[in-house]
Structures are given as structure tokens and as C-alpha cells.
Amino acid sequence: MTIHSFQKITLLSANPAALATFWSKTFDTASRPAGTDLYSVEGPDGINGFLIQKATPAPTGTPRARFDLNVIGRGAEVTRLVALGAKNLGEKTDGGTPYTLLTDPDGNQIGLFDQPQSL
């Protein structure tokens, strides 16, 4: 069996409307209700996105998801996301590649990597 693509990624949240707002502002895209206690968020490319669904009780424990994002101007993006409600966990490395680790308001991890130079 070969997996060709994913259909949707779904995050669980105690407050899906607020988390959808955070992510739509992060990507500067739209979010919209997609059902009862369910929100759809467009991805940064305006096409691929994900869902945020209400979870009762609220998820706890180990981070449930991590978004690794390539950005231009990592420092400015860190400042912008912290202003939106993210928490900065500091500088890390992944296989020798530096990145900044943050969490969204629900504790899901965000890795901000410098956009690779085109060849």
C-alpha cells in the first residue's frame, strides 16, 4: 500500500474557535466553522489546511502535534507569534539545523526554521 497524501489533520482543543483564530492569524489565512464545535483552517498555501475539533475534557500531557514551518525572518516571526499568544521555548537544533521552538495557546509545538536558500 502506498499513501499518496493526507486528507486532513485534526487538532483537538478545549476552545476550537480560539485556536482556529490563532492559527488563521499565524498563516494569515481564513478559518471558518465546519460543523458543530469544528473549525477549518486554511494552510499557508491557501489550499492544504487542517481541522480543529472540540475535545471534552481538554487534551493534556505530551504535545499532541508539532508544526515545522519554514519562515523568512525567523526572529520577526517569533515576535509576531508570541504577540498572537504563542509561548517561546527557545532555540533548539534538529540534526544540526537551528530552529526556534514555540507552543500554540493549547500547547501544540511549533518549530520555526529558516527558509532554505534556493539552489
Protein backbone atom coordinates (compact mmCIF):
# COMPACT_ATOMS: atom_id res chain seq x y z
CA MET A 1 0.00 0.00 0.00
CA THR A 2 1.21 3.49 -0.84
CA ILE A 3 -0.04 6.62 0.86
CA HIS A 4 -0.32 9.42 -1.68
CA SER A 5 -1.47 12.32 0.51
CA PHE A 6 -3.24 13.15 3.71
CA GLN A 7 -6.88 14.13 3.73
CA LYS A 8 -6.92 16.34 6.82
CA ILE A 9 -5.06 16.77 10.08
CA THR A 10 -7.27 17.35 13.11
CA LEU A 11 -6.15 19.03 16.33
CA LEU A 12 -8.21 18.57 19.48
CA SER A 13 -8.87 21.63 21.63
CA ALA A 14 -10.98 22.73 24.59
CA ASN A 15 -11.62 26.00 22.71
CA PRO A 16 -11.52 25.29 18.95
CA ALA A 17 -12.76 28.75 17.94
CA ALA A 18 -9.89 30.50 19.75
CA LEU A 19 -7.28 28.05 18.45
CA ALA A 20 -8.63 28.42 14.89
CA THR A 21 -8.25 32.19 15.23
CA PHE A 22 -4.65 31.80 16.43
CA TRP A 23 -3.70 29.55 13.50
CA SER A 24 -5.52 31.58 10.84
CA LYS A 25 -3.68 34.70 12.06
CA THR A 26 -0.41 32.74 12.14
CA PHE A 27 -0.82 31.74 8.48
CA ASP A 28 -2.63 34.98 7.50
CA THR A 29 -5.42 32.84 6.04
CA ALA A 30 -9.06 32.16 6.81
CA SER A 31 -10.78 29.91 9.31
CA ARG A 32 -14.44 29.00 9.30
CA PRO A 33 -16.92 26.79 11.14
CA ALA A 34 -17.04 23.32 9.58
CA GLY A 35 -19.66 21.76 11.85
CA THR A 36 -20.67 21.67 15.48
CA ASP A 37 -17.54 22.51 17.53
CA LEU A 38 -15.38 22.02 14.43
CA TYR A 39 -13.35 24.65 12.57
CA SER A 40 -11.39 24.51 9.32
CA VAL A 41 -8.16 26.50 8.95
CA GLU A 42 -6.53 27.14 5.57
CA GLY A 43 -2.83 26.37 5.41
CA PRO A 44 -0.18 28.93 4.43
CA ASP A 45 -0.51 27.89 0.78
CA GLY A 46 -4.25 28.67 0.91
CA ILE A 47 -5.07 25.09 -0.05
CA ASN A 48 -3.83 22.48 2.39
CA GLY A 49 -5.28 23.03 5.80
CA PHE A 50 -6.44 21.27 8.91
CA LEU A 51 -9.34 20.95 11.31
CA ILE A 52 -9.69 21.88 14.98
CA GLN A 53 -12.34 19.94 16.90
CA LYS A 54 -13.67 20.41 20.42
CA ALA A 55 -12.41 17.85 22.90
CA THR A 56 -14.03 17.29 26.26
CA PRO A 57 -12.16 17.02 28.53
CA ALA A 58 -9.36 19.18 27.21
CA PRO A 59 -6.32 17.25 25.96
CA THR A 60 -3.40 17.16 28.41
CA GLY A 61 0.04 15.65 28.61
CA THR A 62 2.67 15.30 25.91
CA PRO A 63 2.27 17.71 22.97
CA ARG A 64 -0.16 16.19 20.53
CA ALA A 65 1.20 17.82 17.38
CA ARG A 66 4.18 19.79 16.10
CA PHE A 67 4.11 22.07 13.08
CA ASP A 68 7.53 22.58 11.48
CA LEU A 69 7.35 25.75 9.41
CA ASN A 70 9.92 27.32 7.07
CA VAL A 71 9.93 31.10 7.52
CA ILE A 72 11.77 34.14 6.22
CA GLY A 73 12.89 36.34 9.11
CA ARG A 74 12.64 33.85 11.96
CA GLY A 75 13.16 36.45 14.72
CA ALA A 76 10.32 38.62 13.44
CA GLU A 77 8.03 35.58 13.14
CA VAL A 78 8.81 34.56 16.72
CA THR A 79 7.87 38.04 17.90
CA ARG A 80 4.67 38.00 15.83
CA LEU A 81 3.53 34.57 17.05
CA VAL A 82 4.28 35.40 20.69
CA ALA A 83 2.10 38.51 20.29
CA LEU A 84 -0.68 36.22 18.98
CA GLY A 85 -0.44 34.01 22.07
CA ALA A 86 2.38 31.54 21.39
CA LYS A 87 4.97 30.73 24.06
CA ASN A 88 8.67 30.84 23.09
CA LEU A 89 10.51 27.75 24.41
CA GLY A 90 13.86 28.82 23.00
CA GLU A 91 16.44 27.92 20.39
CA LYS A 92 16.99 24.25 19.52
CA THR A 93 18.75 22.19 16.86
CA ASP A 94 17.43 19.34 14.72
CA GLY A 95 20.21 17.36 13.05
CA GLY A 96 22.46 20.41 13.37
CA THR A 97 19.82 22.74 11.90
CA PRO A 98 18.88 25.60 14.25
CA TYR A 99 15.22 26.43 14.85
CA THR A 100 13.03 28.15 17.42
CA LEU A 101 10.56 26.05 19.39
CA LEU A 102 7.25 27.61 20.41
CA THR A 103 3.87 26.33 21.53
CA ASP A 104 0.44 27.48 20.41
CA PRO A 105 -2.10 28.51 23.08
CA ASP A 106 -3.08 24.83 23.58
CA GLY A 107 0.49 23.59 23.97
CA ASN A 108 1.00 22.13 20.47
CA GLN A 109 4.59 22.64 19.37
CA ILE A 110 5.71 24.91 16.54
CA GLY A 111 9.20 24.65 15.08
CA LEU A 112 10.25 27.73 13.11
CA PHE A 113 13.06 27.01 10.64
CA ASP A 114 14.82 29.48 8.35
CA GLN A 115 13.57 29.11 4.78
CA PRO A 116 16.22 27.16 2.84
CA GLN A 117 18.08 29.09 0.16
CA SER A 118 17.04 28.10 -3.37
CA LEU A 119 19.71 26.47 -5.43
